[in-house]
N, C-alpha and C. Protein backbone atom coordinates (compact mmCIF):
# COMPACT_ATOMS: atom_id res chain seq x y z
N MET A 1 -19.00 15.35 30.00
CA MET A 1 -18.02 14.30 29.76
C MET A 1 -18.11 13.87 28.30
N ALA A 2 -16.98 13.84 27.64
CA ALA A 2 -16.94 13.48 26.22
C ALA A 2 -17.00 11.97 26.05
N ILE A 3 -17.67 11.56 25.00
CA ILE A 3 -17.74 10.14 24.67
C ILE A 3 -16.61 9.83 23.70
N GLN A 4 -15.85 8.80 24.02
CA GLN A 4 -14.75 8.43 23.14
C GLN A 4 -15.14 7.21 22.33
N THR A 5 -14.90 7.28 21.05
CA THR A 5 -15.13 6.13 20.18
C THR A 5 -13.83 5.82 19.45
N GLN A 6 -13.68 4.59 19.11
CA GLN A 6 -12.47 4.17 18.40
C GLN A 6 -12.79 4.09 16.91
N ALA A 7 -12.04 4.84 16.11
CA ALA A 7 -12.24 4.82 14.67
C ALA A 7 -11.75 3.49 14.11
N LYS A 8 -12.45 2.99 13.12
CA LYS A 8 -12.06 1.74 12.46
C LYS A 8 -11.72 2.04 11.02
N ILE A 9 -10.61 1.52 10.59
CA ILE A 9 -10.20 1.70 9.20
C ILE A 9 -11.19 0.95 8.31
N PRO A 10 -11.71 1.62 7.28
CA PRO A 10 -12.67 0.95 6.40
C PRO A 10 -12.04 -0.23 5.65
N VAL A 11 -12.86 -1.25 5.41
CA VAL A 11 -12.44 -2.41 4.64
C VAL A 11 -13.17 -2.35 3.30
N VAL A 12 -12.43 -2.40 2.21
CA VAL A 12 -13.02 -2.38 0.87
C VAL A 12 -12.77 -3.74 0.24
N ASP A 13 -13.85 -4.39 -0.17
CA ASP A 13 -13.78 -5.75 -0.72
C ASP A 13 -13.60 -5.71 -2.23
N PHE A 14 -12.40 -6.09 -2.69
CA PHE A 14 -12.09 -6.11 -4.11
C PHE A 14 -12.27 -7.50 -4.72
N SER A 15 -12.84 -8.44 -3.98
CA SER A 15 -12.91 -9.82 -4.46
C SER A 15 -14.07 -10.07 -5.42
N ASN A 16 -14.93 -9.08 -5.62
CA ASN A 16 -16.07 -9.24 -6.53
C ASN A 16 -15.58 -9.46 -7.96
N GLU A 17 -16.01 -10.54 -8.59
CA GLU A 17 -15.58 -10.87 -9.95
C GLU A 17 -16.15 -9.91 -10.99
N ASP A 18 -17.21 -9.17 -10.65
CA ASP A 18 -17.88 -8.28 -11.61
C ASP A 18 -17.30 -6.87 -11.63
N LEU A 19 -16.12 -6.66 -11.07
CA LEU A 19 -15.54 -5.32 -11.04
C LEU A 19 -14.94 -4.97 -12.39
N LYS A 20 -15.77 -4.40 -13.23
CA LYS A 20 -15.32 -3.94 -14.54
C LYS A 20 -15.64 -2.45 -14.64
N PRO A 21 -14.68 -1.64 -15.12
CA PRO A 21 -14.93 -0.19 -15.23
C PRO A 21 -16.26 0.09 -15.93
N GLY A 22 -17.04 0.96 -15.31
CA GLY A 22 -18.33 1.35 -15.86
C GLY A 22 -19.50 0.56 -15.29
N SER A 23 -19.24 -0.59 -14.67
CA SER A 23 -20.33 -1.38 -14.09
C SER A 23 -20.80 -0.74 -12.79
N SER A 24 -21.99 -1.12 -12.34
CA SER A 24 -22.52 -0.55 -11.10
C SER A 24 -21.67 -0.98 -9.90
N SER A 25 -21.16 -2.22 -9.91
CA SER A 25 -20.31 -2.66 -8.79
C SER A 25 -18.99 -1.89 -8.78
N TRP A 26 -18.46 -1.57 -9.96
CA TRP A 26 -17.23 -0.79 -10.04
C TRP A 26 -17.47 0.63 -9.52
N SER A 27 -18.59 1.24 -9.91
CA SER A 27 -18.92 2.60 -9.45
C SER A 27 -19.08 2.64 -7.94
N SER A 28 -19.73 1.62 -7.40
CA SER A 28 -19.90 1.54 -5.94
C SER A 28 -18.55 1.41 -5.24
N MET A 29 -17.69 0.56 -5.79
CA MET A 29 -16.36 0.37 -5.22
C MET A 29 -15.56 1.67 -5.29
N TYR A 30 -15.66 2.36 -6.40
CA TYR A 30 -14.98 3.64 -6.60
C TYR A 30 -15.40 4.63 -5.52
N ARG A 31 -16.70 4.71 -5.26
CA ARG A 31 -17.20 5.63 -4.21
C ARG A 31 -16.68 5.21 -2.84
N ASP A 32 -16.67 3.90 -2.57
CA ASP A 32 -16.18 3.41 -1.27
C ASP A 32 -14.70 3.76 -1.07
N VAL A 33 -13.90 3.58 -2.10
CA VAL A 33 -12.47 3.89 -2.01
C VAL A 33 -12.26 5.39 -1.80
N CYS A 34 -12.97 6.20 -2.58
CA CYS A 34 -12.84 7.66 -2.44
C CYS A 34 -13.24 8.11 -1.04
N ARG A 35 -14.36 7.60 -0.54
CA ARG A 35 -14.84 7.97 0.78
C ARG A 35 -13.82 7.58 1.85
N ALA A 36 -13.29 6.36 1.75
CA ALA A 36 -12.30 5.89 2.73
C ALA A 36 -11.05 6.77 2.71
N LEU A 37 -10.58 7.12 1.52
CA LEU A 37 -9.38 7.95 1.43
C LEU A 37 -9.63 9.37 1.91
N GLU A 38 -10.82 9.90 1.62
CA GLU A 38 -11.13 11.26 2.07
C GLU A 38 -11.30 11.33 3.58
N GLU A 39 -11.94 10.33 4.17
CA GLU A 39 -12.24 10.37 5.60
C GLU A 39 -11.13 9.82 6.48
N TYR A 40 -10.41 8.79 5.99
CA TYR A 40 -9.41 8.13 6.83
C TYR A 40 -7.99 8.21 6.27
N GLY A 41 -7.88 8.47 4.97
CA GLY A 41 -6.56 8.51 4.35
C GLY A 41 -6.02 7.14 4.00
N CYS A 42 -6.80 6.09 4.27
CA CYS A 42 -6.36 4.74 3.97
C CYS A 42 -7.55 3.79 4.02
N PHE A 43 -7.33 2.55 3.64
CA PHE A 43 -8.34 1.51 3.79
C PHE A 43 -7.64 0.16 3.75
N VAL A 44 -8.33 -0.86 4.22
CA VAL A 44 -7.83 -2.22 4.13
C VAL A 44 -8.44 -2.82 2.88
N ALA A 45 -7.61 -3.34 2.00
CA ALA A 45 -8.09 -3.95 0.76
C ALA A 45 -8.29 -5.44 0.99
N GLU A 46 -9.53 -5.88 0.92
CA GLU A 46 -9.86 -7.30 1.03
C GLU A 46 -9.84 -7.87 -0.39
N LEU A 47 -8.92 -8.79 -0.65
CA LEU A 47 -8.73 -9.28 -2.01
C LEU A 47 -9.19 -10.71 -2.21
N GLY A 48 -9.63 -11.36 -1.15
CA GLY A 48 -10.09 -12.74 -1.27
C GLY A 48 -8.97 -13.63 -1.80
N SER A 49 -9.33 -14.53 -2.68
CA SER A 49 -8.35 -15.47 -3.23
C SER A 49 -7.56 -14.88 -4.39
N LYS A 50 -7.86 -13.63 -4.77
CA LYS A 50 -7.14 -12.99 -5.87
C LYS A 50 -5.69 -12.67 -5.50
N PHE A 51 -5.39 -12.64 -4.23
CA PHE A 51 -4.08 -12.23 -3.76
C PHE A 51 -3.57 -13.30 -2.80
N PRO A 52 -2.82 -14.26 -3.29
CA PRO A 52 -2.38 -15.37 -2.44
C PRO A 52 -1.57 -14.90 -1.23
N LEU A 53 -1.71 -15.62 -0.15
CA LEU A 53 -1.00 -15.30 1.09
C LEU A 53 0.51 -15.25 0.88
N GLU A 54 1.02 -16.07 0.00
CA GLU A 54 2.47 -16.09 -0.27
C GLU A 54 2.94 -14.74 -0.81
N ILE A 55 2.16 -14.13 -1.70
CA ILE A 55 2.53 -12.82 -2.25
C ILE A 55 2.44 -11.76 -1.15
N HIS A 56 1.38 -11.83 -0.35
CA HIS A 56 1.21 -10.90 0.78
C HIS A 56 2.43 -10.97 1.69
N ASP A 57 2.82 -12.18 2.06
CA ASP A 57 3.96 -12.35 2.96
C ASP A 57 5.26 -11.87 2.33
N THR A 58 5.42 -12.08 1.02
CA THR A 58 6.62 -11.62 0.32
C THR A 58 6.71 -10.10 0.34
N ILE A 59 5.59 -9.43 0.07
CA ILE A 59 5.57 -7.96 0.07
C ILE A 59 5.92 -7.42 1.45
N PHE A 60 5.25 -7.94 2.49
CA PHE A 60 5.52 -7.43 3.82
C PHE A 60 6.92 -7.79 4.30
N GLY A 61 7.45 -8.91 3.85
CA GLY A 61 8.83 -9.26 4.17
C GLY A 61 9.81 -8.28 3.55
N ALA A 62 9.55 -7.89 2.29
CA ALA A 62 10.41 -6.93 1.61
C ALA A 62 10.33 -5.56 2.27
N VAL A 63 9.13 -5.16 2.69
CA VAL A 63 8.97 -3.87 3.36
C VAL A 63 9.69 -3.89 4.71
N ARG A 64 9.58 -4.99 5.43
CA ARG A 64 10.28 -5.12 6.72
C ARG A 64 11.79 -4.99 6.50
N GLU A 65 12.29 -5.69 5.49
CA GLU A 65 13.73 -5.61 5.17
C GLU A 65 14.12 -4.19 4.76
N LEU A 66 13.27 -3.55 3.98
CA LEU A 66 13.53 -2.19 3.54
C LEU A 66 13.63 -1.23 4.73
N ASN A 67 12.76 -1.39 5.71
CA ASN A 67 12.77 -0.51 6.87
C ASN A 67 13.95 -0.76 7.80
N GLN A 68 14.65 -1.85 7.60
CA GLN A 68 15.85 -2.11 8.39
C GLN A 68 17.10 -1.51 7.75
N LYS A 69 16.97 -0.97 6.55
CA LYS A 69 18.10 -0.32 5.89
C LYS A 69 18.41 1.00 6.59
N GLU A 70 19.61 1.50 6.38
CA GLU A 70 20.00 2.76 7.01
C GLU A 70 19.17 3.92 6.48
N ILE A 71 18.86 4.85 7.36
CA ILE A 71 18.00 5.97 7.00
C ILE A 71 18.58 6.80 5.86
N ASN A 72 19.89 6.98 5.81
CA ASN A 72 20.46 7.82 4.75
C ASN A 72 20.25 7.21 3.36
N LEU A 73 19.94 5.93 3.27
CA LEU A 73 19.62 5.31 1.98
C LEU A 73 18.18 5.58 1.56
N ARG A 74 17.34 5.89 2.52
CA ARG A 74 15.91 5.99 2.26
C ARG A 74 15.51 7.39 1.81
N ASN A 75 15.83 7.74 0.58
CA ASN A 75 15.41 9.02 0.01
C ASN A 75 13.89 9.02 -0.07
N GLY A 76 13.26 10.06 0.42
CA GLY A 76 11.81 10.11 0.42
C GLY A 76 11.21 9.54 1.69
N TYR A 77 12.05 9.28 2.69
CA TYR A 77 11.58 8.73 3.96
C TYR A 77 11.13 9.88 4.85
N PHE A 78 9.92 9.77 5.40
CA PHE A 78 9.35 10.84 6.20
C PHE A 78 8.97 10.32 7.59
N PRO A 79 9.86 10.41 8.58
CA PRO A 79 9.48 9.96 9.92
C PRO A 79 8.50 10.94 10.56
N GLN A 80 7.50 10.44 11.20
CA GLN A 80 6.51 11.27 11.88
C GLN A 80 6.32 10.71 13.29
N ALA A 81 5.72 11.50 14.14
CA ALA A 81 5.49 11.06 15.52
C ALA A 81 4.52 9.89 15.56
N LEU A 82 3.47 9.91 14.73
CA LEU A 82 2.44 8.88 14.80
C LEU A 82 2.63 7.75 13.80
N PHE A 83 3.37 8.00 12.74
CA PHE A 83 3.54 6.96 11.74
C PHE A 83 4.79 7.24 10.92
N GLU A 84 5.20 6.26 10.16
CA GLU A 84 6.32 6.42 9.25
C GLU A 84 5.84 6.06 7.85
N ARG A 85 6.43 6.71 6.86
CA ARG A 85 6.09 6.37 5.48
C ARG A 85 7.31 6.59 4.61
N MET A 86 7.26 6.01 3.46
CA MET A 86 8.32 6.19 2.48
C MET A 86 7.66 6.33 1.13
N ALA A 87 8.15 7.24 0.32
CA ALA A 87 7.56 7.49 -0.99
C ALA A 87 8.56 7.16 -2.08
N ILE A 88 8.04 6.67 -3.19
CA ILE A 88 8.85 6.45 -4.37
C ILE A 88 8.44 7.52 -5.37
N ASP A 89 9.39 8.41 -5.71
CA ASP A 89 9.09 9.43 -6.71
C ASP A 89 8.74 8.73 -8.02
N ASN A 90 7.63 9.13 -8.62
CA ASN A 90 7.18 8.55 -9.88
C ASN A 90 7.06 7.03 -9.77
N GLY A 91 6.35 6.58 -8.74
CA GLY A 91 6.21 5.15 -8.45
C GLY A 91 5.50 4.35 -9.52
N ASN A 92 4.83 5.02 -10.45
CA ASN A 92 4.17 4.30 -11.55
C ASN A 92 5.15 3.92 -12.65
N SER A 93 6.36 4.42 -12.57
CA SER A 93 7.37 4.14 -13.60
C SER A 93 8.19 2.92 -13.19
N PRO A 94 8.13 1.85 -13.99
CA PRO A 94 8.95 0.67 -13.66
C PRO A 94 10.44 1.00 -13.58
N GLU A 95 10.89 1.93 -14.41
CA GLU A 95 12.31 2.29 -14.40
C GLU A 95 12.70 2.96 -13.08
N ASP A 96 11.85 3.89 -12.60
CA ASP A 96 12.16 4.58 -11.34
C ASP A 96 12.06 3.63 -10.15
N THR A 97 11.10 2.72 -10.19
CA THR A 97 10.98 1.73 -9.12
C THR A 97 12.21 0.83 -9.12
N GLN A 98 12.69 0.46 -10.30
CA GLN A 98 13.89 -0.37 -10.39
C GLN A 98 15.11 0.37 -9.86
N LYS A 99 15.19 1.68 -10.10
CA LYS A 99 16.30 2.48 -9.57
C LYS A 99 16.33 2.40 -8.05
N LEU A 100 15.15 2.51 -7.42
CA LEU A 100 15.08 2.41 -5.96
C LEU A 100 15.51 1.01 -5.51
N THR A 101 15.03 0.00 -6.20
CA THR A 101 15.41 -1.37 -5.87
C THR A 101 16.92 -1.54 -5.95
N ASN A 102 17.54 -0.97 -6.96
CA ASN A 102 18.99 -1.09 -7.13
C ASN A 102 19.77 -0.38 -6.02
N ILE A 103 19.20 0.68 -5.45
CA ILE A 103 19.86 1.37 -4.34
C ILE A 103 19.89 0.48 -3.11
N PHE A 104 18.75 -0.13 -2.79
CA PHE A 104 18.66 -0.94 -1.57
C PHE A 104 19.25 -2.33 -1.75
N TRP A 105 19.10 -2.89 -2.93
CA TRP A 105 19.59 -4.23 -3.20
C TRP A 105 20.45 -4.20 -4.46
N PRO A 106 21.71 -3.76 -4.36
CA PRO A 106 22.57 -3.67 -5.55
C PRO A 106 22.73 -5.01 -6.28
N ASN A 107 22.60 -6.10 -5.55
CA ASN A 107 22.71 -7.43 -6.17
C ASN A 107 21.36 -7.95 -6.66
N GLY A 108 20.33 -7.11 -6.55
CA GLY A 108 19.00 -7.49 -7.05
C GLY A 108 18.09 -8.04 -5.96
N ASN A 109 16.79 -7.90 -6.19
CA ASN A 109 15.76 -8.46 -5.32
C ASN A 109 14.52 -8.64 -6.17
N VAL A 110 14.28 -9.86 -6.62
CA VAL A 110 13.16 -10.11 -7.54
C VAL A 110 11.80 -9.95 -6.86
N HIS A 111 11.77 -9.95 -5.53
CA HIS A 111 10.50 -9.83 -4.82
C HIS A 111 10.07 -8.39 -4.62
N PHE A 112 10.96 -7.44 -4.87
CA PHE A 112 10.63 -6.03 -4.69
C PHE A 112 10.83 -5.31 -6.01
N ARG A 113 9.76 -5.11 -6.72
CA ARG A 113 9.83 -4.36 -7.98
C ARG A 113 8.47 -3.84 -8.33
C-alpha cells in the first residue's frame, strides 16, 4: 500500500531587512528560491510589511478582472487541465507591458502596469 503525502508549496521569507546582494542572508535566500523553483516550480513570497495588503488586493483584483476578459484577447494564454497561466512576452520591458495593458484596458488602468 502506497503512502500518500500532500506536497506543500515552499514559503520564502523576503521580509529580512539585511537582504543585500552578496550578503550571507541574500545567498541563503537565493538558494531557497532556486530550490523552490527547481522542485515545485513556484513558491509563496512572504513579504511582511514591505508589501501592504492594499497593493496585494489591487494586484489580485486586476488579475481577476484580466481573467474575465475574452480568451481571444489573451495572447499568450495557455489553458491547462490542472492550471491556467498567462505570459507577457518580454515582461521586463515597461513598453511591452504597457502594450498589453492597452489591449485589455484601452481607456487605461493605473493599477495594472
